[in-house]
Amino acid sequence: MFNKVLIANRGEIAVRVIRACKEMGIDTVAIYSEADRDALHVRMAEEAVCIGPPNAGQSYLNMSNILSAAVQRDVDAIHPGFGFLSENSEFAHMCEEVGIKFIGPSSDSIARLGNKSLAKQLMVKHGVPVIPGPDQGFTDPDLALKEGKKIGFPLLIKAVAGGGGRGIRLIENERAFVPSFQEASHEANMAFGDPHLYLEKYFENPKHIEIQVIADEHGNCIHLGERDCSSQRRKQKVVEETPSPAIDEDKRKSIGNRVTQALKQLKYTNAGTVEFLYENGHFYFMEMNTRIQVEHPITEVTTSTDIIKEQIRVAAGEKLSWKQNQIHWKNHAIECRINAEDPDQNFMPFAGKVHNVVFPSGPGIRVDSGIFPGAEIPPYYDSMVAKVIAYDNTRKQAIARMIRALEEFSVEGIKTNKEFLIRILSSDSFLKGDYSINFIENELLQKA
């Protein structure tokens, strides 16, 4: 087992990893930008190193500075969390080169599965259903248009190397294709350093279903069920739940087995999430996230697992703690992302000082956060400041518990999306479980 782990991240995920390490008897090294000098993760770690100014490109994305800190502090491994460098194959390779374990998949796996068009090719090869469309990326809009006509309009164009809603365009007709393609390609190049786009069939009202997997270095791979991430605003997840109200046990077993068999053949290791669109009873592979997900807690509380600890154990060379037949699902769990933003100003991010905060508690409630009274919310990073997780015996009870928890949640000094989350949970579509990735924008925001 590792003696010391550096956490190459900030906020609640850095706090989450530090807690897991402490319970495993592992010392931790926090990194921080000048804007995060007094952050909670910095206070909690045994050691802390400033790695640059507030701008993420000069701090949390500064690979050489982070690796220098890791070498100087004699760490055994680096946990990247999510975002920042978590899916950067170059950073994973640099860790491998200096003999520091990257707590995640190999740099080769990240490179292959992080490229959406290549990942699609690999999934087709190994029997996983994919979204219809060509399996290569394009930079030439005219060549892409020829392929687009074969799919038919409307269609989607997406950044090969991207995520988070950037580099995505819905193309309604042939006339709009070339200018939209050029705009999206430029956006993708600015955001990810890669202008390539790929094309795929557009689904009218699909659900977004993802399968959590974890694999060790001994050829074992299991899945921990699905999460329904269809509650989205601007293609960003807002509320997640498990199990999905649209998936039964047979479908869960079928798609889970297909995914784990494919990843075994690909020799994938550590945690990952395989994301699908789901419509009319069919799954269509979208992409794979080769890292821990923001929404991992709802899987943990329904399967009685600790995915972060398992990531660390697997990275240290241990076998998985469970076999597939030992994974059992109980309860229903929901996660709400508390963002520092102003819903009255088009959800504009809200920076400022937290004067006071009261987290909800009681049966079936978990809160993952990095804020505290006096914490500064800087304007430089993602606006999420906390995750509230509620779980109970049934979906109806879990929803009621989450609404109660959100009503208890109180933070002074900054604005949040709390009331908007309650609106989502109270909506007819959500209560019925009959909602798609478009329901927030088509129903809730249209009525606002």
Protein backbone atom coordinates (compact mmCIF):
# COMPACT_ATOMS: atom_id res chain seq x y z
CA MET A 1 0.00 0.00 0.00
CA PHE A 2 1.06 3.60 -0.58
CA ASN A 3 2.62 5.67 2.19
CA LYS A 4 1.88 9.10 0.75
CA VAL A 5 -0.53 10.33 -1.95
CA LEU A 6 -0.67 13.76 -3.60
CA ILE A 7 -4.14 14.97 -4.56
CA ALA A 8 -3.92 16.88 -7.84
CA ASN A 9 -7.22 18.68 -7.39
CA ARG A 10 -9.19 21.05 -5.19
CA GLY A 11 -12.62 21.51 -3.58
CA GLU A 12 -14.88 18.73 -2.42
CA ILE A 13 -13.21 15.94 -4.41
CA ALA A 14 -9.84 16.76 -2.84
CA VAL A 15 -11.50 16.64 0.59
CA ARG A 16 -13.15 13.32 -0.33
CA VAL A 17 -9.86 11.72 -1.36
CA ILE A 18 -8.03 13.02 1.72
CA ARG A 19 -10.68 11.48 3.98
CA ALA A 20 -10.36 8.12 2.23
CA CYS A 21 -6.56 8.23 2.56
CA LYS A 22 -6.73 9.09 6.27
CA GLU A 23 -9.00 6.12 6.92
CA MET A 24 -6.48 3.91 5.09
CA GLY A 25 -3.52 5.24 7.07
CA ILE A 26 -2.02 7.07 4.08
CA ASP A 27 -0.45 10.52 4.41
CA THR A 28 -1.61 13.17 1.96
CA VAL A 29 -0.14 16.14 0.14
CA ALA A 30 -2.52 18.87 -1.00
CA ILE A 31 -1.71 21.23 -3.82
CA TYR A 32 -3.29 24.66 -4.05
CA SER A 33 -3.29 27.83 -6.08
CA GLU A 34 -2.79 31.21 -4.46
CA ALA A 35 -6.59 31.62 -4.53
CA ASP A 36 -7.05 28.42 -2.48
CA ARG A 37 -4.45 29.09 0.20
CA ASP A 38 -7.04 28.76 3.00
CA ALA A 39 -9.16 26.04 1.39
CA LEU A 40 -10.43 23.09 3.42
CA HIS A 41 -8.39 20.48 1.56
CA VAL A 42 -5.24 22.45 2.34
CA ARG A 43 -6.08 22.45 6.04
CA MET A 44 -6.86 18.74 6.12
CA ALA A 45 -3.77 17.31 4.39
CA GLU A 46 -0.58 16.47 6.27
CA GLU A 47 1.39 18.57 3.78
CA ALA A 48 0.46 21.29 1.29
CA VAL A 49 2.27 22.89 -1.62
CA CYS A 50 1.39 26.05 -3.55
CA ILE A 51 1.77 25.28 -7.24
CA GLY A 52 0.92 28.60 -8.88
CA PRO A 53 -1.33 31.64 -9.26
CA PRO A 54 -5.15 31.49 -9.37
CA ASN A 55 -5.40 30.81 -13.10
CA ALA A 56 -5.91 27.03 -13.49
CA GLY A 57 -3.57 26.87 -16.46
CA GLN A 58 -0.73 28.02 -14.25
CA SER A 59 -1.67 25.93 -11.23
CA TYR A 60 -4.03 22.94 -11.32
CA LEU A 61 -3.20 22.25 -14.97
CA ASN A 62 0.52 22.89 -14.56
CA MET A 63 1.86 19.36 -14.98
CA SER A 64 5.52 20.16 -14.35
CA ASN A 65 4.80 22.08 -11.16
CA ILE A 66 2.56 19.31 -9.82
CA LEU A 67 5.08 16.58 -10.62
CA SER A 68 7.89 18.63 -9.09
CA ALA A 69 5.87 18.92 -5.89
CA ALA A 70 5.22 15.17 -5.94
CA VAL A 71 8.90 14.33 -6.37
CA GLN A 72 10.01 16.83 -3.73
CA ARG A 73 7.52 15.47 -1.21
CA ASP A 74 8.45 11.87 -2.03
CA VAL A 75 4.93 10.68 -2.79
CA ASP A 76 4.10 7.18 -4.04
CA ALA A 77 1.02 8.09 -6.03
CA ILE A 78 -1.13 10.92 -7.38
CA HIS A 79 -4.93 10.94 -7.30
CA PRO A 80 -6.24 13.34 -9.97
CA GLY A 81 -9.89 13.51 -8.81
CA PHE A 82 -12.16 14.65 -11.65
CA GLY A 83 -11.68 17.51 -14.11
CA PHE A 84 -8.32 19.24 -14.49
CA LEU A 85 -5.71 16.54 -15.35
CA SER A 86 -7.81 13.48 -14.51
CA GLU A 87 -8.18 12.40 -18.15
CA ASN A 88 -4.91 13.79 -19.47
CA SER A 89 -2.92 10.90 -20.94
CA GLU A 90 0.24 13.01 -21.12
CA PHE A 91 0.11 13.68 -17.37
CA ALA A 92 -0.53 10.00 -16.63
CA HIS A 93 2.44 9.11 -18.84
CA MET A 94 4.67 11.64 -17.07
CA CYS A 95 3.72 10.03 -13.74
CA GLU A 96 4.64 6.62 -15.15
CA GLU A 97 7.97 7.96 -16.40
CA VAL A 98 9.05 9.23 -12.96
CA GLY A 99 7.81 6.14 -11.11
CA ILE A 100 4.80 7.73 -9.41
CA LYS A 101 1.59 5.73 -9.61
CA PHE A 102 -1.28 7.53 -11.31
CA ILE A 103 -4.45 6.49 -9.48
CA GLY A 104 -6.50 5.84 -12.56
CA PRO A 105 -6.16 3.88 -15.80
CA SER A 106 -2.93 3.68 -17.77
CA SER A 107 -1.93 6.56 -20.04
CA ASP A 108 -2.60 4.26 -23.00
CA SER A 109 -6.16 3.53 -21.85
CA ILE A 110 -6.85 7.22 -21.28
CA ALA A 111 -5.54 8.07 -24.76
CA ARG A 112 -7.60 5.35 -26.48
CA LEU A 113 -10.86 5.72 -24.59
CA GLY A 114 -10.64 9.48 -24.06
CA ASN A 115 -10.79 9.99 -27.81
CA LYS A 116 -14.50 9.71 -28.55
CA SER A 117 -14.24 8.49 -32.12
CA LEU A 118 -11.58 5.89 -31.24
CA ALA A 119 -13.57 4.80 -28.18
CA LYS A 120 -16.58 4.30 -30.41
CA GLN A 121 -14.54 2.08 -32.74
CA LEU A 122 -13.30 0.02 -29.81
CA MET A 123 -16.79 -0.42 -28.36
CA VAL A 124 -18.18 -1.55 -31.72
CA LYS A 125 -15.34 -4.08 -31.98
CA HIS A 126 -16.19 -5.49 -28.56
CA GLY A 127 -19.95 -5.70 -28.96
CA VAL A 128 -21.20 -2.59 -27.20
CA PRO A 129 -24.07 -0.76 -29.03
CA VAL A 130 -23.10 2.73 -30.22
CA ILE A 131 -24.84 5.83 -31.55
CA PRO A 132 -25.13 5.65 -35.37
CA GLY A 133 -22.59 7.79 -37.21
CA PRO A 134 -19.09 7.61 -38.76
CA ASP A 135 -16.37 6.45 -36.39
CA GLN A 136 -13.73 9.04 -37.33
CA GLY A 137 -13.22 12.72 -36.57
CA PHE A 138 -13.28 15.54 -39.13
CA THR A 139 -11.72 18.97 -39.55
CA ASP A 140 -12.92 19.52 -43.14
CA PRO A 141 -16.55 20.77 -43.02
CA ASP A 142 -17.28 19.74 -46.62
CA LEU A 143 -16.08 16.18 -46.06
CA ALA A 144 -18.02 16.05 -42.79
CA LEU A 145 -21.16 17.30 -44.55
CA LYS A 146 -21.04 14.38 -46.98
CA GLU A 147 -21.08 11.97 -44.05
CA GLY A 148 -23.73 14.04 -42.29
CA LYS A 149 -26.13 13.62 -45.19
CA LYS A 150 -25.88 9.84 -44.75
CA ILE A 151 -27.03 10.15 -41.13
CA GLY A 152 -29.78 12.65 -41.92
CA PHE A 153 -30.85 15.85 -40.20
CA PRO A 154 -31.10 16.84 -37.45
CA LEU A 155 -27.73 15.56 -36.25
CA LEU A 156 -25.14 16.39 -33.60
CA ILE A 157 -21.51 17.40 -34.02
CA LYS A 158 -19.21 16.95 -31.02
CA ALA A 159 -15.59 17.57 -30.10
CA VAL A 160 -13.53 14.39 -30.39
CA ALA A 161 -11.35 15.33 -27.41
CA GLY A 162 -13.88 17.21 -25.32
CA GLY A 163 -16.67 17.15 -22.81
CA GLY A 164 -18.70 19.39 -20.55
CA GLY A 165 -20.94 20.58 -23.37
CA ARG A 166 -18.22 22.41 -25.29
CA GLY A 167 -17.78 21.87 -29.01
CA ILE A 168 -21.31 20.48 -29.35
CA ARG A 169 -23.87 21.74 -31.88
CA LEU A 170 -27.28 20.53 -32.95
CA ILE A 171 -27.56 20.93 -36.73
CA GLU A 172 -31.14 21.21 -37.92
CA ASN A 173 -30.51 21.30 -41.67
CA GLU A 174 -27.87 21.18 -44.39
CA ARG A 175 -27.73 24.96 -44.77
CA ALA A 176 -26.62 25.43 -41.15
CA PHE A 177 -23.99 22.70 -41.23
CA VAL A 178 -20.80 24.41 -42.44
CA PRO A 179 -20.95 27.58 -40.29
CA SER A 180 -21.91 25.54 -37.20
CA PHE A 181 -19.13 23.05 -37.88
CA GLN A 182 -16.52 25.79 -38.21
CA GLU A 183 -17.70 27.49 -35.02
CA ALA A 184 -17.69 24.23 -33.03
CA SER A 185 -14.28 23.21 -34.39
CA HIS A 186 -12.80 26.54 -33.30
CA GLU A 187 -14.39 26.18 -29.87
CA ALA A 188 -13.05 22.61 -29.52
CA ASN A 189 -9.56 23.69 -30.50
CA MET A 190 -9.59 26.53 -27.96
CA ALA A 191 -10.95 24.32 -25.16
CA PHE A 192 -9.12 21.05 -25.79
CA GLY A 193 -6.32 21.78 -28.26
CA ASP A 194 -7.94 19.54 -30.88
CA PRO A 195 -10.26 20.85 -33.65
CA HIS A 196 -11.55 17.43 -34.72
CA LEU A 197 -15.31 16.86 -34.56
CA TYR A 198 -17.38 13.74 -35.00
CA LEU A 199 -20.97 13.30 -36.13
CA GLU A 200 -23.79 11.26 -34.68
CA LYS A 201 -27.53 10.67 -34.93
CA TYR A 202 -29.67 13.06 -32.89
CA PHE A 203 -32.16 11.53 -30.49
CA GLU A 204 -35.26 13.55 -29.72
CA ASN A 205 -35.84 12.74 -26.05
CA PRO A 206 -33.32 10.22 -24.73
CA LYS A 207 -32.24 9.53 -21.20
CA HIS A 208 -28.59 9.75 -20.14
CA ILE A 209 -27.60 6.50 -18.45
CA GLU A 210 -24.09 5.69 -17.27
CA ILE A 211 -22.57 2.47 -15.95
CA GLN A 212 -19.98 2.61 -13.14
CA VAL A 213 -17.14 0.13 -13.55
CA ILE A 214 -13.95 -0.70 -11.72
CA ALA A 215 -11.20 -3.11 -12.76
CA ASP A 216 -7.96 -4.35 -11.22
CA GLU A 217 -4.59 -5.26 -12.71
CA HIS A 218 -5.34 -8.99 -12.45
CA GLY A 219 -8.00 -9.15 -15.17
CA ASN A 220 -11.04 -8.63 -12.96
CA CYS A 221 -13.71 -6.07 -13.88
CA ILE A 222 -17.13 -5.48 -12.33
CA HIS A 223 -19.92 -2.95 -12.68
CA LEU A 224 -21.75 -1.21 -9.86
CA GLY A 225 -24.96 -0.54 -11.75
CA GLU A 226 -26.30 2.50 -13.54
CA ARG A 227 -26.91 6.14 -12.75
CA ASP A 228 -29.58 8.21 -14.42
CA CYS A 229 -28.08 11.62 -15.25
CA SER A 230 -30.89 12.92 -17.44
CA SER A 231 -31.56 16.03 -15.32
CA GLN A 232 -29.35 18.44 -17.23
CA ARG A 233 -29.13 22.15 -17.94
CA ARG A 234 -27.05 23.17 -20.95
CA LYS A 235 -25.78 19.59 -21.14
CA GLN A 236 -24.44 19.84 -17.58
CA LYS A 237 -25.69 17.35 -15.01
CA VAL A 238 -27.69 18.86 -12.16
CA VAL A 239 -29.46 15.95 -10.42
CA GLU A 240 -28.49 12.28 -10.62
CA GLU A 241 -30.21 9.18 -9.28
CA THR A 242 -29.76 5.43 -9.01
CA PRO A 243 -31.28 3.12 -9.92
CA SER A 244 -32.78 4.65 -13.03
CA PRO A 245 -36.58 4.58 -13.04
CA ALA A 246 -36.34 3.44 -16.68
CA ILE A 247 -34.04 0.41 -16.19
CA ASP A 248 -35.07 -2.99 -14.83
CA GLU A 249 -32.85 -5.74 -13.45
CA ASP A 250 -32.57 -7.61 -16.76
CA LYS A 251 -31.43 -4.51 -18.66
CA ARG A 252 -28.98 -3.62 -15.88
CA LYS A 253 -27.45 -7.08 -15.98
CA SER A 254 -27.30 -7.18 -19.79
CA ILE A 255 -25.62 -3.82 -20.38
CA GLY A 256 -23.38 -4.23 -17.33
CA ASN A 257 -22.10 -7.56 -18.59
CA ARG A 258 -21.46 -6.19 -22.09
CA VAL A 259 -19.48 -3.26 -20.70
CA THR A 260 -17.35 -5.31 -18.30
CA GLN A 261 -16.54 -7.91 -20.95
CA ALA A 262 -15.44 -5.19 -23.36
CA LEU A 263 -13.23 -3.51 -20.77
CA LYS A 264 -11.65 -6.82 -19.79
CA GLN A 265 -10.65 -7.36 -23.41
CA LEU A 266 -9.30 -3.80 -23.54
CA LYS A 267 -7.30 -4.49 -20.34
CA TYR A 268 -8.79 -1.44 -18.66
CA THR A 269 -7.87 -0.83 -15.00
CA ASN A 270 -9.21 1.32 -12.15
CA ALA A 271 -12.51 3.21 -12.05
CA GLY A 272 -14.40 4.47 -15.08
CA THR A 273 -17.86 5.29 -16.33
CA VAL A 274 -19.39 4.23 -19.63
CA GLU A 275 -22.06 6.71 -20.77
CA PHE A 276 -25.05 5.91 -22.94
CA LEU A 277 -28.09 7.53 -24.47
CA TYR A 278 -31.14 5.40 -23.80
CA GLU A 279 -34.30 5.63 -25.88
CA ASN A 280 -37.14 3.21 -26.64
CA GLY A 281 -35.51 0.44 -24.62
CA HIS A 282 -32.13 0.61 -26.39
CA PHE A 283 -28.67 1.71 -25.23
CA TYR A 284 -26.31 3.72 -27.46
CA PHE A 285 -22.72 4.27 -26.33
CA MET A 286 -21.67 7.95 -26.18
CA GLU A 287 -18.31 8.08 -24.43
CA MET A 288 -16.23 6.79 -21.58
CA ASN A 289 -14.97 8.85 -18.65
CA THR A 290 -11.67 7.35 -17.53
CA ARG A 291 -11.86 8.76 -14.00
CA ILE A 292 -14.02 9.03 -10.92
CA GLN A 293 -17.30 10.87 -11.49
CA VAL A 294 -18.83 13.74 -9.54
CA GLU A 295 -21.88 11.55 -8.89
CA HIS A 296 -20.04 8.50 -7.51
CA PRO A 297 -21.54 8.87 -3.98
CA ILE A 298 -25.01 7.67 -5.01
CA THR A 299 -23.47 4.44 -6.28
CA GLU A 300 -21.54 4.04 -3.03
CA VAL A 301 -24.60 4.39 -0.81
CA THR A 302 -26.69 1.93 -2.87
CA THR A 303 -23.97 -0.74 -3.21
CA SER A 304 -22.23 -0.32 0.18
CA THR A 305 -18.89 0.33 -1.51
CA ASP A 306 -16.19 2.98 -1.31
CA ILE A 307 -15.05 3.64 -4.86
CA ILE A 308 -12.25 6.05 -3.88
CA LYS A 309 -10.66 3.54 -1.51
CA GLU A 310 -11.05 0.85 -4.15
CA GLN A 311 -9.29 3.08 -6.69
CA ILE A 312 -6.37 3.39 -4.31
CA ARG A 313 -6.25 -0.34 -3.55
CA VAL A 314 -6.37 -1.26 -7.24
CA ALA A 315 -3.63 1.27 -8.08
CA ALA A 316 -1.48 -0.32 -5.36
CA GLY A 317 -1.77 -3.65 -7.18
CA GLU A 318 -4.43 -5.31 -5.04
CA LYS A 319 -7.28 -7.42 -6.42
CA LEU A 320 -10.83 -6.07 -6.38
CA SER A 321 -12.52 -6.37 -3.00
CA TRP A 322 -15.65 -7.88 -4.55
CA LYS A 323 -16.79 -10.22 -7.28
CA GLN A 324 -19.78 -9.31 -9.44
CA ASN A 325 -22.11 -11.69 -7.59
CA GLN A 326 -21.26 -9.92 -4.32
CA ILE A 327 -22.62 -6.58 -5.55
CA HIS A 328 -26.17 -6.04 -4.37
CA TRP A 329 -28.30 -2.94 -4.78
CA LYS A 330 -30.45 -1.54 -2.00
CA ASN A 331 -32.24 1.75 -1.47
CA HIS A 332 -32.75 4.57 -3.95
CA ALA A 333 -30.27 7.47 -3.98
CA ILE A 334 -30.35 10.98 -5.41
CA GLU A 335 -27.57 13.56 -5.67
CA CYS A 336 -28.07 17.30 -6.09
CA ARG A 337 -25.21 19.57 -7.10
CA ILE A 338 -25.17 22.80 -5.12
CA ASN A 339 -23.62 25.46 -7.33
CA ALA A 340 -22.58 28.98 -6.39
CA GLU A 341 -24.63 30.69 -9.06
CA ASP A 342 -27.53 33.08 -9.48
CA PRO A 343 -30.58 31.47 -11.14
CA ASP A 344 -32.14 34.92 -11.54
CA GLN A 345 -29.16 36.01 -13.67
CA ASN A 346 -29.16 33.09 -16.09
CA PHE A 347 -27.26 30.95 -13.56
CA MET A 348 -24.23 33.22 -13.63
CA PRO A 349 -21.45 31.91 -11.33
CA PHE A 350 -21.34 33.72 -8.00
CA ALA A 351 -18.01 34.30 -6.26
CA GLY A 352 -17.76 35.59 -2.71
CA LYS A 353 -17.23 34.76 0.94
CA VAL A 354 -19.30 32.19 2.82
CA HIS A 355 -20.41 33.91 6.02
CA ASN A 356 -22.20 30.89 7.41
CA VAL A 357 -23.31 27.46 6.23
CA VAL A 358 -25.61 24.82 7.74
CA PHE A 359 -25.47 21.39 6.11
CA PRO A 360 -28.49 19.07 6.26
CA SER A 361 -28.21 15.92 8.33
CA GLY A 362 -30.35 13.12 9.69
CA PRO A 363 -31.08 9.60 8.41
CA GLY A 364 -30.07 8.87 4.83
CA ILE A 365 -28.23 12.15 4.19
CA ARG A 366 -24.64 12.66 3.07
CA VAL A 367 -22.97 15.94 2.17
CA ASP A 368 -19.66 16.19 0.28
CA SER A 369 -18.30 19.72 0.32
CA GLY A 370 -15.24 21.87 0.70
CA ILE A 371 -16.91 25.00 2.09
CA PHE A 372 -17.12 26.28 5.66
CA PRO A 373 -17.91 29.59 7.41
CA GLY A 374 -15.30 32.05 6.16
CA ALA A 375 -14.44 30.13 3.00
CA GLU A 376 -13.78 32.15 -0.12
CA ILE A 377 -15.44 31.01 -3.35
CA PRO A 378 -13.02 32.17 -6.06
CA PRO A 379 -14.23 33.08 -9.55
CA TYR A 380 -11.62 30.98 -11.35
CA TYR A 381 -13.00 27.44 -11.09
CA ASP A 382 -16.15 25.33 -11.40
CA SER A 383 -19.08 26.74 -9.44
CA MET A 384 -20.03 23.53 -7.60
CA VAL A 385 -19.55 23.97 -3.84
CA ALA A 386 -21.35 20.95 -2.40
CA LYS A 387 -23.17 17.73 -3.22
CA VAL A 388 -26.17 16.61 -1.21
CA ILE A 389 -26.94 12.90 -1.33
CA ALA A 390 -30.21 11.47 -0.03
CA TYR A 391 -31.15 7.80 0.07
CA ASP A 392 -34.11 5.78 1.33
CA ASN A 393 -35.98 2.53 0.70
CA THR A 394 -37.99 3.79 -2.27
CA ARG A 395 -37.65 6.46 -4.91
CA LYS A 396 -40.63 8.37 -3.55
CA GLN A 397 -39.12 8.41 -0.07
CA ALA A 398 -35.69 9.42 -1.40
CA ILE A 399 -37.21 12.40 -3.25
CA ALA A 400 -39.07 13.53 -0.12
CA ARG A 401 -35.89 13.17 1.92
CA MET A 402 -33.87 15.18 -0.60
CA ILE A 403 -36.39 18.01 -0.64
CA ARG A 404 -36.27 18.07 3.16
CA ALA A 405 -32.46 18.14 3.06
CA LEU A 406 -32.36 21.00 0.57
CA GLU A 407 -34.77 23.00 2.68
CA GLU A 408 -32.38 22.52 5.63
CA PHE A 409 -29.34 23.52 3.59
CA SER A 410 -28.45 27.13 4.35
CA VAL A 411 -25.53 29.20 3.12
CA GLU A 412 -25.05 32.91 3.70
CA GLY A 413 -22.85 35.22 1.63
CA ILE A 414 -23.28 33.55 -1.75
CA LYS A 415 -26.21 32.68 -3.98
CA THR A 416 -26.91 29.06 -4.93
CA ASN A 417 -29.23 27.02 -7.13
CA LYS A 418 -30.93 25.38 -4.12
CA GLU A 419 -34.46 26.57 -4.89
CA PHE A 420 -34.11 25.54 -8.53
CA LEU A 421 -33.13 22.03 -7.43
CA ILE A 422 -36.29 21.81 -5.33
CA ARG A 423 -38.29 22.84 -8.41
CA ILE A 424 -36.73 19.99 -10.38
CA LEU A 425 -37.49 17.41 -7.70
CA SER A 426 -41.07 18.67 -7.33
CA SER A 427 -41.87 18.67 -11.06
CA ASP A 428 -44.40 16.20 -12.43
CA SER A 429 -41.91 14.71 -14.92
CA PHE A 430 -39.30 14.03 -12.27
CA LEU A 431 -41.79 12.65 -9.77
CA LYS A 432 -43.09 10.23 -12.41
CA GLY A 433 -39.55 9.28 -13.46
CA ASP A 434 -40.60 10.05 -17.00
CA TYR A 435 -38.04 12.66 -18.03
CA SER A 436 -35.35 13.03 -20.68
CA ILE A 437 -32.21 15.13 -21.02
CA ASN A 438 -34.36 17.94 -22.41
CA PHE A 439 -36.99 18.19 -19.69
CA ILE A 440 -35.36 20.95 -17.60
CA GLU A 441 -34.94 23.30 -20.55
CA ASN A 442 -38.19 22.35 -22.28
CA GLU A 443 -40.40 22.36 -19.21
CA LEU A 444 -38.94 24.11 -16.16
CA LEU A 445 -36.99 26.89 -17.86
CA GLN A 446 -39.67 27.53 -20.46
CA LYS A 447 -42.14 28.19 -17.65
CA ALA A 448 -39.77 30.43 -15.67
